[in-house]
Amino acid sequence: MNLNNQPTVNELARLFAAQKDTLNDHILWISEAGDVRIDPVTSCKEETRFEEERPQMRAHLKMYRRGQGYVGKKAAADSDYMARVLQTLTLTWQKAQTEPALVKVNSYS
């Protein structure tokens, strides 16, 4: 999913549905090209280390903790939640394109 191509809530929901909430923590992030990814994070890894391993990262949302229901099929089925996440991603991408530093988001827009 790319934020430059007017993504839909359904596209975002597919990204979330592909993850297993019970297996790992996850971080939702945006690349320099506007691509949105959601990657599992090993439980002992710090967000800073995750950032260092992805130099193409322009922005990310706070970590989704394992077992909290923020990713997976149930989260993807919540259309209001998906709409809030997409709105946050869109606004964050606008900000990330003008700021030189990595943009970190702790709450939804």
N, C-alpha and C. Protein backbone atom coordinates (compact mmCIF):
# COMPACT_ATOMS: atom_id res chain seq x y z
N MET A 1 0.84 -1.17 0.00
CA MET A 1 0.00 0.00 0.00
C MET A 1 0.89 1.23 0.00
N ASN A 2 0.60 2.18 -0.89
CA ASN A 2 1.40 3.39 -0.99
C ASN A 2 0.52 4.61 -0.76
N LEU A 3 0.97 5.51 0.10
CA LEU A 3 0.19 6.69 0.46
C LEU A 3 0.11 7.72 -0.67
N ASN A 4 0.93 7.57 -1.69
CA ASN A 4 0.86 8.47 -2.84
C ASN A 4 -0.24 8.07 -3.82
N ASN A 5 -0.81 6.90 -3.63
CA ASN A 5 -1.80 6.36 -4.56
C ASN A 5 -3.21 6.33 -3.99
N GLN A 6 -3.53 7.24 -3.09
CA GLN A 6 -4.85 7.34 -2.46
C GLN A 6 -5.35 5.98 -1.98
N PRO A 7 -4.68 5.43 -0.99
CA PRO A 7 -5.05 4.09 -0.49
C PRO A 7 -6.44 4.09 0.16
N THR A 8 -7.00 2.91 0.23
CA THR A 8 -8.33 2.75 0.81
C THR A 8 -8.24 2.06 2.17
N VAL A 9 -9.32 2.15 2.91
CA VAL A 9 -9.41 1.46 4.20
C VAL A 9 -9.27 -0.05 3.98
N ASN A 10 -9.82 -0.57 2.88
CA ASN A 10 -9.72 -2.00 2.60
C ASN A 10 -8.28 -2.45 2.37
N GLU A 11 -7.48 -1.62 1.70
CA GLU A 11 -6.07 -1.95 1.51
C GLU A 11 -5.35 -2.04 2.85
N LEU A 12 -5.62 -1.06 3.71
CA LEU A 12 -5.00 -1.05 5.03
C LEU A 12 -5.46 -2.26 5.84
N ALA A 13 -6.73 -2.57 5.76
CA ALA A 13 -7.27 -3.72 6.49
C ALA A 13 -6.59 -5.02 6.06
N ARG A 14 -6.27 -5.14 4.78
CA ARG A 14 -5.56 -6.35 4.31
C ARG A 14 -4.17 -6.46 4.95
N LEU A 15 -3.49 -5.32 5.10
CA LEU A 15 -2.18 -5.33 5.77
C LEU A 15 -2.31 -5.82 7.21
N PHE A 16 -3.30 -5.30 7.91
CA PHE A 16 -3.52 -5.67 9.31
C PHE A 16 -3.95 -7.13 9.45
N ALA A 17 -4.81 -7.58 8.55
CA ALA A 17 -5.33 -8.95 8.62
C ALA A 17 -4.24 -9.99 8.40
N ALA A 18 -3.18 -9.62 7.70
CA ALA A 18 -2.09 -10.55 7.40
C ALA A 18 -1.18 -10.80 8.61
N GLN A 19 -1.36 -10.04 9.69
CA GLN A 19 -0.52 -10.18 10.88
C GLN A 19 -1.22 -11.02 11.95
N LYS A 20 -0.42 -11.63 12.81
CA LYS A 20 -0.94 -12.40 13.95
C LYS A 20 -0.67 -11.62 15.23
N ASP A 21 -1.72 -11.14 15.84
CA ASP A 21 -1.61 -10.32 17.05
C ASP A 21 -0.97 -11.07 18.21
N THR A 22 -1.19 -12.37 18.29
CA THR A 22 -0.72 -13.14 19.44
C THR A 22 0.75 -13.55 19.35
N LEU A 23 1.38 -13.38 18.20
CA LEU A 23 2.75 -13.87 18.03
C LEU A 23 3.83 -12.85 18.36
N ASN A 24 3.63 -11.59 17.98
CA ASN A 24 4.68 -10.59 18.13
C ASN A 24 4.10 -9.21 18.41
N ASP A 25 4.98 -8.30 18.86
CA ASP A 25 4.68 -6.88 18.81
C ASP A 25 4.81 -6.48 17.33
N HIS A 26 4.24 -5.34 16.95
CA HIS A 26 4.30 -4.88 15.56
C HIS A 26 4.52 -3.37 15.51
N ILE A 27 5.15 -2.91 14.43
CA ILE A 27 5.29 -1.48 14.18
C ILE A 27 4.79 -1.19 12.77
N LEU A 28 3.91 -0.20 12.68
CA LEU A 28 3.38 0.28 11.41
C LEU A 28 4.25 1.47 11.00
N TRP A 29 4.83 1.41 9.79
CA TRP A 29 5.75 2.46 9.38
C TRP A 29 5.59 2.83 7.91
N ILE A 30 6.16 3.99 7.56
CA ILE A 30 6.09 4.54 6.21
C ILE A 30 7.51 4.71 5.68
N SER A 31 7.74 4.22 4.47
CA SER A 31 9.07 4.35 3.85
C SER A 31 9.21 5.70 3.14
N GLU A 32 10.42 5.98 2.67
CA GLU A 32 10.69 7.22 1.93
C GLU A 32 9.81 7.35 0.69
N ALA A 33 9.41 6.22 0.11
CA ALA A 33 8.60 6.21 -1.11
C ALA A 33 7.10 6.30 -0.82
N GLY A 34 6.73 6.28 0.47
CA GLY A 34 5.32 6.34 0.83
C GLY A 34 4.68 4.98 1.03
N ASP A 35 5.48 3.93 0.95
CA ASP A 35 4.95 2.58 1.18
C ASP A 35 4.68 2.36 2.66
N VAL A 36 3.54 1.76 2.96
CA VAL A 36 3.16 1.46 4.34
C VAL A 36 3.46 0.00 4.61
N ARG A 37 4.11 -0.26 5.73
CA ARG A 37 4.45 -1.63 6.13
C ARG A 37 4.05 -1.83 7.58
N ILE A 38 3.78 -3.07 7.91
CA ILE A 38 3.60 -3.43 9.31
C ILE A 38 4.47 -4.65 9.54
N ASP A 39 5.46 -4.48 10.39
CA ASP A 39 6.44 -5.54 10.61
C ASP A 39 6.38 -6.06 12.04
N PRO A 40 6.53 -7.38 12.19
CA PRO A 40 6.63 -7.94 13.53
C PRO A 40 7.96 -7.54 14.17
N VAL A 41 7.94 -7.39 15.47
CA VAL A 41 9.13 -7.01 16.22
C VAL A 41 9.33 -8.05 17.31
N THR A 42 10.54 -8.58 17.43
CA THR A 42 10.79 -9.52 18.52
C THR A 42 10.61 -8.80 19.84
N SER A 43 10.11 -9.50 20.81
CA SER A 43 9.71 -8.87 22.08
C SER A 43 10.83 -8.14 22.79
N CYS A 44 12.06 -8.50 22.55
CA CYS A 44 13.16 -7.85 23.27
C CYS A 44 13.74 -6.66 22.50
N LYS A 45 13.27 -6.43 21.29
CA LYS A 45 13.85 -5.37 20.47
C LYS A 45 13.26 -4.01 20.82
N GLU A 46 14.11 -3.02 20.90
CA GLU A 46 13.69 -1.65 21.18
C GLU A 46 13.26 -0.98 19.88
N GLU A 47 12.38 0.03 19.98
CA GLU A 47 11.96 0.78 18.80
C GLU A 47 13.16 1.44 18.12
N THR A 48 14.12 1.93 18.91
CA THR A 48 15.29 2.59 18.35
C THR A 48 16.08 1.64 17.45
N ARG A 49 16.25 0.43 17.88
CA ARG A 49 16.97 -0.55 17.08
C ARG A 49 16.19 -0.86 15.80
N PHE A 50 14.88 -0.98 15.91
CA PHE A 50 14.01 -1.21 14.75
C PHE A 50 14.21 -0.08 13.74
N GLU A 51 14.26 1.16 14.22
CA GLU A 51 14.46 2.32 13.36
C GLU A 51 15.83 2.26 12.67
N GLU A 52 16.86 1.93 13.43
CA GLU A 52 18.22 1.87 12.88
C GLU A 52 18.34 0.84 11.77
N GLU A 53 17.59 -0.24 11.86
CA GLU A 53 17.64 -1.31 10.86
C GLU A 53 16.87 -0.96 9.59
N ARG A 54 16.16 0.16 9.59
CA ARG A 54 15.36 0.58 8.45
C ARG A 54 15.67 2.04 8.11
N PRO A 55 16.82 2.30 7.48
CA PRO A 55 17.20 3.68 7.18
C PRO A 55 16.23 4.37 6.21
N GLN A 56 15.43 3.60 5.48
CA GLN A 56 14.46 4.17 4.54
C GLN A 56 13.16 4.60 5.22
N MET A 57 13.07 4.40 6.53
CA MET A 57 11.87 4.76 7.29
C MET A 57 11.76 6.27 7.43
N ARG A 58 10.57 6.83 7.13
CA ARG A 58 10.32 8.26 7.30
C ARG A 58 9.44 8.54 8.51
N ALA A 59 8.60 7.56 8.88
CA ALA A 59 7.70 7.76 10.01
C ALA A 59 7.22 6.41 10.52
N HIS A 60 6.81 6.39 11.80
CA HIS A 60 6.18 5.18 12.33
C HIS A 60 5.24 5.53 13.46
N LEU A 61 4.26 4.66 13.64
CA LEU A 61 3.34 4.79 14.76
C LEU A 61 3.94 4.04 15.94
N LYS A 62 3.41 4.29 17.13
CA LYS A 62 3.94 3.60 18.30
C LYS A 62 3.74 2.09 18.14
N MET A 63 4.54 1.35 18.87
CA MET A 63 4.51 -0.10 18.77
C MET A 63 3.16 -0.67 19.23
N TYR A 64 2.64 -1.61 18.45
CA TYR A 64 1.44 -2.35 18.84
C TYR A 64 1.92 -3.55 19.65
N ARG A 65 1.54 -3.62 20.90
CA ARG A 65 1.98 -4.71 21.77
C ARG A 65 1.21 -6.00 21.50
N ARG A 66 1.91 -7.09 21.60
CA ARG A 66 1.36 -8.42 21.34
C ARG A 66 0.14 -8.68 22.23
N GLY A 67 -0.88 -9.27 21.61
CA GLY A 67 -2.05 -9.70 22.35
C GLY A 67 -3.04 -8.60 22.72
N GLN A 68 -2.84 -7.38 22.25
CA GLN A 68 -3.72 -6.27 22.60
C GLN A 68 -4.83 -6.03 21.57
N GLY A 69 -4.80 -6.76 20.47
CA GLY A 69 -5.86 -6.64 19.47
C GLY A 69 -5.69 -5.53 18.46
N TYR A 70 -4.50 -4.92 18.39
CA TYR A 70 -4.29 -3.81 17.46
C TYR A 70 -3.98 -4.25 16.04
N VAL A 71 -3.60 -5.50 15.85
CA VAL A 71 -3.37 -6.05 14.51
C VAL A 71 -4.09 -7.39 14.41
N GLY A 72 -4.15 -7.92 13.21
CA GLY A 72 -4.82 -9.20 12.99
C GLY A 72 -6.19 -9.02 12.37
N LYS A 73 -6.89 -10.13 12.21
CA LYS A 73 -8.18 -10.12 11.51
C LYS A 73 -9.25 -9.33 12.24
N LYS A 74 -9.28 -9.42 13.57
CA LYS A 74 -10.30 -8.67 14.32
C LYS A 74 -10.08 -7.16 14.19
N ALA A 75 -8.84 -6.73 14.28
CA ALA A 75 -8.54 -5.30 14.11
C ALA A 75 -8.91 -4.85 12.70
N ALA A 76 -8.59 -5.68 11.72
CA ALA A 76 -8.88 -5.34 10.32
C ALA A 76 -10.37 -5.23 10.06
N ALA A 77 -11.18 -5.96 10.81
CA ALA A 77 -12.64 -5.94 10.63
C ALA A 77 -13.29 -4.70 11.25
N ASP A 78 -12.56 -3.96 12.07
CA ASP A 78 -13.10 -2.75 12.71
C ASP A 78 -12.90 -1.56 11.77
N SER A 79 -13.92 -1.24 10.99
CA SER A 79 -13.78 -0.21 9.96
C SER A 79 -13.51 1.18 10.55
N ASP A 80 -14.06 1.49 11.72
CA ASP A 80 -13.79 2.79 12.35
C ASP A 80 -12.32 2.90 12.74
N TYR A 81 -11.79 1.83 13.32
CA TYR A 81 -10.38 1.80 13.71
C TYR A 81 -9.48 1.93 12.47
N MET A 82 -9.79 1.18 11.42
CA MET A 82 -9.00 1.25 10.19
C MET A 82 -9.05 2.65 9.59
N ALA A 83 -10.20 3.30 9.63
CA ALA A 83 -10.33 4.66 9.10
C ALA A 83 -9.48 5.64 9.90
N ARG A 84 -9.44 5.49 11.23
CA ARG A 84 -8.61 6.37 12.07
C ARG A 84 -7.13 6.15 11.77
N VAL A 85 -6.74 4.90 11.61
CA VAL A 85 -5.34 4.60 11.31
C VAL A 85 -4.96 5.19 9.95
N LEU A 86 -5.82 5.02 8.95
CA LEU A 86 -5.54 5.56 7.62
C LEU A 86 -5.45 7.08 7.65
N GLN A 87 -6.33 7.73 8.37
CA GLN A 87 -6.28 9.19 8.50
C GLN A 87 -4.96 9.62 9.15
N THR A 88 -4.56 8.91 10.19
CA THR A 88 -3.30 9.21 10.87
C THR A 88 -2.12 9.02 9.93
N LEU A 89 -2.12 7.93 9.18
CA LEU A 89 -1.04 7.67 8.22
C LEU A 89 -0.97 8.78 7.16
N THR A 90 -2.11 9.19 6.66
CA THR A 90 -2.15 10.22 5.62
C THR A 90 -1.58 11.54 6.15
N LEU A 91 -2.01 11.96 7.32
CA LEU A 91 -1.50 13.20 7.92
C LEU A 91 -0.01 13.08 8.26
N THR A 92 0.38 11.92 8.75
CA THR A 92 1.79 11.69 9.10
C THR A 92 2.66 11.74 7.85
N TRP A 93 2.18 11.17 6.75
CA TRP A 93 2.94 11.18 5.51
C TRP A 93 3.13 12.61 5.01
N GLN A 94 2.10 13.43 5.10
CA GLN A 94 2.23 14.84 4.70
C GLN A 94 3.32 15.53 5.52
N LYS A 95 3.33 15.28 6.81
CA LYS A 95 4.33 15.87 7.70
C LYS A 95 5.73 15.32 7.40
N ALA A 96 5.82 14.02 7.18
CA ALA A 96 7.12 13.36 6.97
C ALA A 96 7.80 13.84 5.70
N GLN A 97 7.03 14.27 4.72
CA GLN A 97 7.62 14.74 3.46
C GLN A 97 8.29 16.09 3.60
N THR A 98 7.96 16.83 4.65
CA THR A 98 8.55 18.16 4.82
C THR A 98 9.54 18.25 5.97
N GLU A 99 9.58 17.24 6.82
CA GLU A 99 10.48 17.27 7.97
C GLU A 99 11.70 16.38 7.70
N PRO A 100 12.89 16.87 8.06
CA PRO A 100 14.08 16.07 7.84
C PRO A 100 14.22 14.89 8.81
N ALA A 101 13.66 15.02 10.00
CA ALA A 101 13.82 13.97 11.01
C ALA A 101 12.71 12.93 10.89
N LEU A 102 12.97 11.76 11.44
CA LEU A 102 11.98 10.69 11.51
C LEU A 102 10.78 11.17 12.32
N VAL A 103 9.58 10.96 11.80
CA VAL A 103 8.35 11.36 12.49
C VAL A 103 7.83 10.17 13.28
N LYS A 104 7.62 10.38 14.58
CA LYS A 104 7.11 9.33 15.46
C LYS A 104 5.73 9.75 15.96
N VAL A 105 4.76 8.87 15.79
CA VAL A 105 3.37 9.18 16.15
C VAL A 105 2.96 8.32 17.33
N ASN A 106 2.44 8.96 18.37
CA ASN A 106 2.03 8.24 19.57
C ASN A 106 0.52 8.11 19.73
N SER A 107 -0.26 8.83 18.91
CA SER A 107 -1.71 8.73 19.01
C SER A 107 -2.33 8.94 17.63
N TYR A 108 -3.57 8.55 17.50
CA TYR A 108 -4.27 8.67 16.22
C TYR A 108 -4.85 10.06 16.05
N SER A 109 -4.96 10.48 14.80
CA SER A 109 -5.53 11.80 14.47
C SER A 109 -7.04 11.75 14.53
